[in-house]
Amino acid sequence: MRFSFLHIVAALTASMSVSACVHFESFCIHDDECCPGLYCGSSPHVILHHCLKLTA
């Protein structure tokens, strides 16, 4: 039985869970991607942004 590359990609994509927001310490680009109570920022010495907790 042979599967094409596209069939495998389609099956993997269909099996992934979908979330409406990006969770704590996950990579992001904009603040509106992060879950409530989080913002998209970077820690010192980190190039990539990720969702961080808002502080009061």
PDB file of N, CA and C in Angstrom:
ATOM      1  N   MET A   1       0.851  -1.177   0.000  1.00  0.00           N
ATOM      2  CA  MET A   1       0.000   0.000   0.000  1.00  0.00           C
ATOM      3  C   MET A   1       0.897   1.241   0.000  1.00  0.00           C
ATOM      4  N   ARG A   2       0.672   2.123  -0.930  1.00  0.00           N
ATOM      5  CA  ARG A   2       1.516   3.300  -1.043  1.00  0.00           C
ATOM      6  C   ARG A   2       0.728   4.555  -0.679  1.00  0.00           C
ATOM      7  N   PHE A   3       1.408   5.444   0.048  1.00  0.00           N
ATOM      8  CA  PHE A   3       0.820   6.737   0.384  1.00  0.00           C
ATOM      9  C   PHE A   3       1.690   7.829  -0.212  1.00  0.00           C
ATOM     10  N   SER A   4       1.069   8.797  -0.813  1.00  0.00           N
ATOM     11  CA  SER A   4       1.843   9.916  -1.338  1.00  0.00           C
ATOM     12  C   SER A   4       2.173  10.870  -0.194  1.00  0.00           C
ATOM     13  N   PHE A   5       3.151  11.689  -0.425  1.00  0.00           N
ATOM     14  CA  PHE A   5       3.555  12.676   0.569  1.00  0.00           C
ATOM     15  C   PHE A   5       2.378  13.570   0.949  1.00  0.00           C
ATOM     16  N   LEU A   6       1.576  13.985  -0.021  1.00  0.00           N
ATOM     17  CA  LEU A   6       0.430  14.852   0.260  1.00  0.00           C
ATOM     18  C   LEU A   6      -0.614  14.163   1.124  1.00  0.00           C
ATOM     19  N   HIS A   7      -0.826  12.863   0.938  1.00  0.00           N
ATOM     20  CA  HIS A   7      -1.769  12.135   1.786  1.00  0.00           C
ATOM     21  C   HIS A   7      -1.286  12.119   3.231  1.00  0.00           C
ATOM     22  N   ILE A   8      -0.003  11.926   3.426  1.00  0.00           N
ATOM     23  CA  ILE A   8       0.555  11.898   4.782  1.00  0.00           C
ATOM     24  C   ILE A   8       0.426  13.271   5.434  1.00  0.00           C
ATOM     25  N   VAL A   9       0.752  14.331   4.702  1.00  0.00           N
ATOM     26  CA  VAL A   9       0.633  15.687   5.239  1.00  0.00           C
ATOM     27  C   VAL A   9      -0.820  16.000   5.579  1.00  0.00           C
ATOM     28  N   ALA A  10      -1.742  15.631   4.722  1.00  0.00           N
ATOM     29  CA  ALA A  10      -3.164  15.880   4.981  1.00  0.00           C
ATOM     30  C   ALA A  10      -3.637  15.136   6.221  1.00  0.00           C
ATOM     31  N   ALA A  11      -3.203  13.904   6.398  1.00  0.00           N
ATOM     32  CA  ALA A  11      -3.602  13.125   7.568  1.00  0.00           C
ATOM     33  C   ALA A  11      -3.039  13.732   8.844  1.00  0.00           C
ATOM     34  N   LEU A  12      -1.792  14.159   8.816  1.00  0.00           N
ATOM     35  CA  LEU A  12      -1.188  14.773  10.005  1.00  0.00           C
ATOM     36  C   LEU A  12      -1.840  16.106  10.331  1.00  0.00           C
ATOM     37  N   THR A  13      -2.148  16.896   9.327  1.00  0.00           N
ATOM     38  CA  THR A  13      -2.801  18.183   9.541  1.00  0.00           C
ATOM     39  C   THR A  13      -4.188  17.992  10.137  1.00  0.00           C
ATOM     40  N   ALA A  14      -4.922  17.032   9.657  1.00  0.00           N
ATOM     41  CA  ALA A  14      -6.273  16.774  10.158  1.00  0.00           C
ATOM     42  C   ALA A  14      -6.253  16.273  11.592  1.00  0.00           C
ATOM     43  N   SER A  15      -5.172  15.626  12.009  1.00  0.00           N
ATOM     44  CA  SER A  15      -5.119  15.060  13.355  1.00  0.00           C
ATOM     45  C   SER A  15      -4.620  16.049  14.401  1.00  0.00           C
ATOM     46  N   MET A  16      -4.100  17.205  13.977  1.00  0.00           N
ATOM     47  CA  MET A  16      -3.589  18.186  14.935  1.00  0.00           C
ATOM     48  C   MET A  16      -4.740  18.919  15.605  1.00  0.00           C
ATOM     49  N   SER A  17      -4.560  19.200  16.903  1.00  0.00           N
ATOM     50  CA  SER A  17      -5.588  19.956  17.602  1.00  0.00           C
ATOM     51  C   SER A  17      -5.447  21.436  17.260  1.00  0.00           C
ATOM     52  N   VAL A  18      -6.570  22.136  17.248  1.00  0.00           N
ATOM     53  CA  VAL A  18      -6.573  23.548  16.907  1.00  0.00           C
ATOM     54  C   VAL A  18      -6.930  24.342  18.149  1.00  0.00           C
ATOM     55  N   SER A  19      -6.156  25.368  18.428  1.00  0.00           N
ATOM     56  CA  SER A  19      -6.405  26.212  19.579  1.00  0.00           C
ATOM     57  C   SER A  19      -6.664  27.633  19.094  1.00  0.00           C
ATOM     58  N   ALA A  20      -7.542  28.333  19.791  1.00  0.00           N
ATOM     59  CA  ALA A  20      -7.876  29.688  19.387  1.00  0.00           C
ATOM     60  C   ALA A  20      -6.814  30.690  19.817  1.00  0.00           C
ATOM     61  N   CYS A  21      -5.950  30.313  20.757  1.00  0.00           N
ATOM     62  CA  CYS A  21      -4.920  31.236  21.225  1.00  0.00           C
ATOM     63  C   CYS A  21      -3.626  30.483  21.519  1.00  0.00           C
ATOM     64  N   VAL A  22      -2.535  31.247  21.571  1.00  0.00           N
ATOM     65  CA  VAL A  22      -1.215  30.683  21.849  1.00  0.00           C
ATOM     66  C   VAL A  22      -1.008  30.677  23.363  1.00  0.00           C
ATOM     67  N   HIS A  23      -0.553  29.556  23.881  1.00  0.00           N
ATOM     68  CA  HIS A  23      -0.403  29.382  25.326  1.00  0.00           C
ATOM     69  C   HIS A  23       0.932  29.908  25.845  1.00  0.00           C
ATOM     70  N   PHE A  24       1.068  29.982  27.166  1.00  0.00           N
ATOM     71  CA  PHE A  24       2.253  30.490  27.861  1.00  0.00           C
ATOM     72  C   PHE A  24       3.525  29.825  27.344  1.00  0.00           C
ATOM     73  N   GLU A  25       4.514  30.636  27.047  1.00  0.00           N
ATOM     74  CA  GLU A  25       5.839  30.241  26.569  1.00  0.00           C
ATOM     75  C   GLU A  25       5.841  29.585  25.184  1.00  0.00           C
ATOM     76  N   SER A  26       4.734  29.724  24.439  1.00  0.00           N
ATOM     77  CA  SER A  26       4.702  29.251  23.054  1.00  0.00           C
ATOM     78  C   SER A  26       5.059  30.418  22.136  1.00  0.00           C
ATOM     79  N   PHE A  27       5.597  30.115  20.967  1.00  0.00           N
ATOM     80  CA  PHE A  27       6.041  31.160  20.048  1.00  0.00           C
ATOM     81  C   PHE A  27       4.870  31.955  19.486  1.00  0.00           C
ATOM     82  N   CYS A  28       5.095  33.266  19.280  1.00  0.00           N
ATOM     83  CA  CYS A  28       4.058  34.164  18.774  1.00  0.00           C
ATOM     84  C   CYS A  28       4.703  35.260  17.934  1.00  0.00           C
ATOM     85  N   ILE A  29       3.848  36.033  17.258  1.00  0.00           N
ATOM     86  CA  ILE A  29       4.303  37.183  16.484  1.00  0.00           C
ATOM     87  C   ILE A  29       3.646  38.458  17.003  1.00  0.00           C
ATOM     88  N   HIS A  30       2.348  38.391  17.328  1.00  0.00           N
ATOM     89  CA  HIS A  30       1.589  39.555  17.782  1.00  0.00           C
ATOM     90  C   HIS A  30       0.895  39.250  19.106  1.00  0.00           C
ATOM     91  N   ASP A  31       0.618  40.307  19.897  1.00  0.00           N
ATOM     92  CA  ASP A  31      -0.061  40.147  21.185  1.00  0.00           C
ATOM     93  C   ASP A  31      -1.415  39.465  21.055  1.00  0.00           C
ATOM     94  N   ASP A  32      -2.158  39.764  19.976  1.00  0.00           N
ATOM     95  CA  ASP A  32      -3.512  39.217  19.848  1.00  0.00           C
ATOM     96  C   ASP A  32      -3.536  37.708  19.605  1.00  0.00           C
ATOM     97  N   GLU A  33      -2.386  37.100  19.366  1.00  0.00           N
ATOM     98  CA  GLU A  33      -2.310  35.643  19.216  1.00  0.00           C
ATOM     99  C   GLU A  33      -2.333  34.935  20.570  1.00  0.00           C
ATOM    100  N   CYS A  34      -1.843  35.617  21.612  1.00  0.00           N
ATOM    101  CA  CYS A  34      -1.684  34.996  22.934  1.00  0.00           C
ATOM    102  C   CYS A  34      -3.018  34.876  23.665  1.00  0.00           C
ATOM    103  N   CYS A  35      -3.129  33.869  24.519  1.00  0.00           N
ATOM    104  CA  CYS A  35      -4.324  33.669  25.338  1.00  0.00           C
ATOM    105  C   CYS A  35      -4.497  34.846  26.295  1.00  0.00           C
ATOM    106  N   PRO A  36      -5.709  35.026  26.844  1.00  0.00           N
ATOM    107  CA  PRO A  36      -5.950  36.114  27.793  1.00  0.00           C
ATOM    108  C   PRO A  36      -4.961  36.066  28.957  1.00  0.00           C
ATOM    109  N   GLY A  37      -4.487  37.247  29.373  1.00  0.00           N
ATOM    110  CA  GLY A  37      -3.530  37.349  30.466  1.00  0.00           C
ATOM    111  C   GLY A  37      -2.086  37.202  30.020  1.00  0.00           C
ATOM    112  N   LEU A  38      -1.876  37.061  28.704  1.00  0.00           N
ATOM    113  CA  LEU A  38      -0.527  36.914  28.160  1.00  0.00           C
ATOM    114  C   LEU A  38      -0.273  37.978  27.101  1.00  0.00           C
ATOM    115  N   TYR A  39       0.997  38.276  26.868  1.00  0.00           N
ATOM    116  CA  TYR A  39       1.380  39.169  25.782  1.00  0.00           C
ATOM    117  C   TYR A  39       2.550  38.560  25.027  1.00  0.00           C
ATOM    118  N   CYS A  40       2.764  38.997  23.804  1.00  0.00           N
ATOM    119  CA  CYS A  40       3.837  38.475  22.971  1.00  0.00           C
ATOM    120  C   CYS A  40       5.084  39.326  23.192  1.00  0.00           C
ATOM    121  N   GLY A  41       6.090  38.746  23.797  1.00  0.00           N
ATOM    122  CA  GLY A  41       7.319  39.478  24.089  1.00  0.00           C
ATOM    123  C   GLY A  41       8.505  38.543  24.091  1.00  0.00           C
ATOM    124  N   SER A  42       9.659  39.080  24.466  1.00  0.00           N
ATOM    125  CA  SER A  42      10.855  38.251  24.515  1.00  0.00           C
ATOM    126  C   SER A  42      11.587  38.469  25.824  1.00  0.00           C
ATOM    127  N   SER A  43      12.267  37.456  26.268  1.00  0.00           N
ATOM    128  CA  SER A  43      13.108  37.532  27.450  1.00  0.00           C
ATOM    129  C   SER A  43      14.475  38.067  27.018  1.00  0.00           C
ATOM    130  N   PRO A  44      15.269  38.553  27.973  1.00  0.00           N
ATOM    131  CA  PRO A  44      16.612  39.018  27.604  1.00  0.00           C
ATOM    132  C   PRO A  44      17.402  37.914  26.903  1.00  0.00           C
ATOM    133  N   HIS A  45      18.166  38.280  25.900  1.00  0.00           N
ATOM    134  CA  HIS A  45      19.025  37.370  25.139  1.00  0.00           C
ATOM    135  C   HIS A  45      18.230  36.354  24.314  1.00  0.00           C
ATOM    136  N   VAL A  46      16.941  36.608  24.077  1.00  0.00           N
ATOM    137  CA  VAL A  46      16.127  35.707  23.261  1.00  0.00           C
ATOM    138  C   VAL A  46      15.667  36.476  22.025  1.00  0.00           C
ATOM    139  N   ILE A  47      15.890  35.917  20.852  1.00  0.00           N
ATOM    140  CA  ILE A  47      15.519  36.586  19.605  1.00  0.00           C
ATOM    141  C   ILE A  47      14.047  36.355  19.278  1.00  0.00           C
ATOM    142  N   LEU A  48      13.575  35.126  19.431  1.00  0.00           N
ATOM    143  CA  LEU A  48      12.194  34.791  19.094  1.00  0.00           C
ATOM    144  C   LEU A  48      11.246  35.242  20.198  1.00  0.00           C
ATOM    145  N   HIS A  49      10.058  35.684  19.805  1.00  0.00           N
ATOM    146  CA  HIS A  49       9.048  36.102  20.773  1.00  0.00           C
ATOM    147  C   HIS A  49       8.203  34.907  21.203  1.00  0.00           C
ATOM    148  N   HIS A  50       7.708  34.972  22.429  1.00  0.00           N
ATOM    149  CA  HIS A  50       6.806  33.946  22.933  1.00  0.00           C
ATOM    150  C   HIS A  50       5.843  34.597  23.910  1.00  0.00           C
ATOM    151  N   CYS A  51       4.731  33.922  24.203  1.00  0.00           N
ATOM    152  CA  CYS A  51       3.702  34.478  25.077  1.00  0.00           C
ATOM    153  C   CYS A  51       4.172  34.445  26.528  1.00  0.00           C
ATOM    154  N   LEU A  52       4.114  35.609  27.161  1.00  0.00           N
ATOM    155  CA  LEU A  52       4.538  35.764  28.550  1.00  0.00           C
ATOM    156  C   LEU A  52       3.362  36.265  29.378  1.00  0.00           C
ATOM    157  N   LYS A  53       3.423  36.055  30.692  1.00  0.00           N
ATOM    158  CA  LYS A  53       2.351  36.503  31.581  1.00  0.00           C
ATOM    159  C   LYS A  53       2.421  38.009  31.783  1.00  0.00           C
ATOM    160  N   LEU A  54       1.243  38.639  31.787  1.00  0.00           N
ATOM    161  CA  LEU A  54       1.155  40.060  32.095  1.00  0.00           C
ATOM    162  C   LEU A  54       1.427  40.259  33.579  1.00  0.00           C
ATOM    163  N   THR A  55       2.137  41.317  33.923  1.00  0.00           N
ATOM    164  CA  THR A  55       2.377  41.625  35.333  1.00  0.00           C
ATOM    165  C   THR A  55       1.659  42.913  35.676  1.00  0.00           C
ATOM    166  N   ALA A  56       1.184  42.994  36.906  1.00  0.00           N
ATOM    167  CA  ALA A  56       0.418  44.170  37.330  1.00  0.00           C
ATOM    168  C   ALA A  56       1.311  45.336  37.638  1.00  0.00           C
TER     169      ALA A  56
END
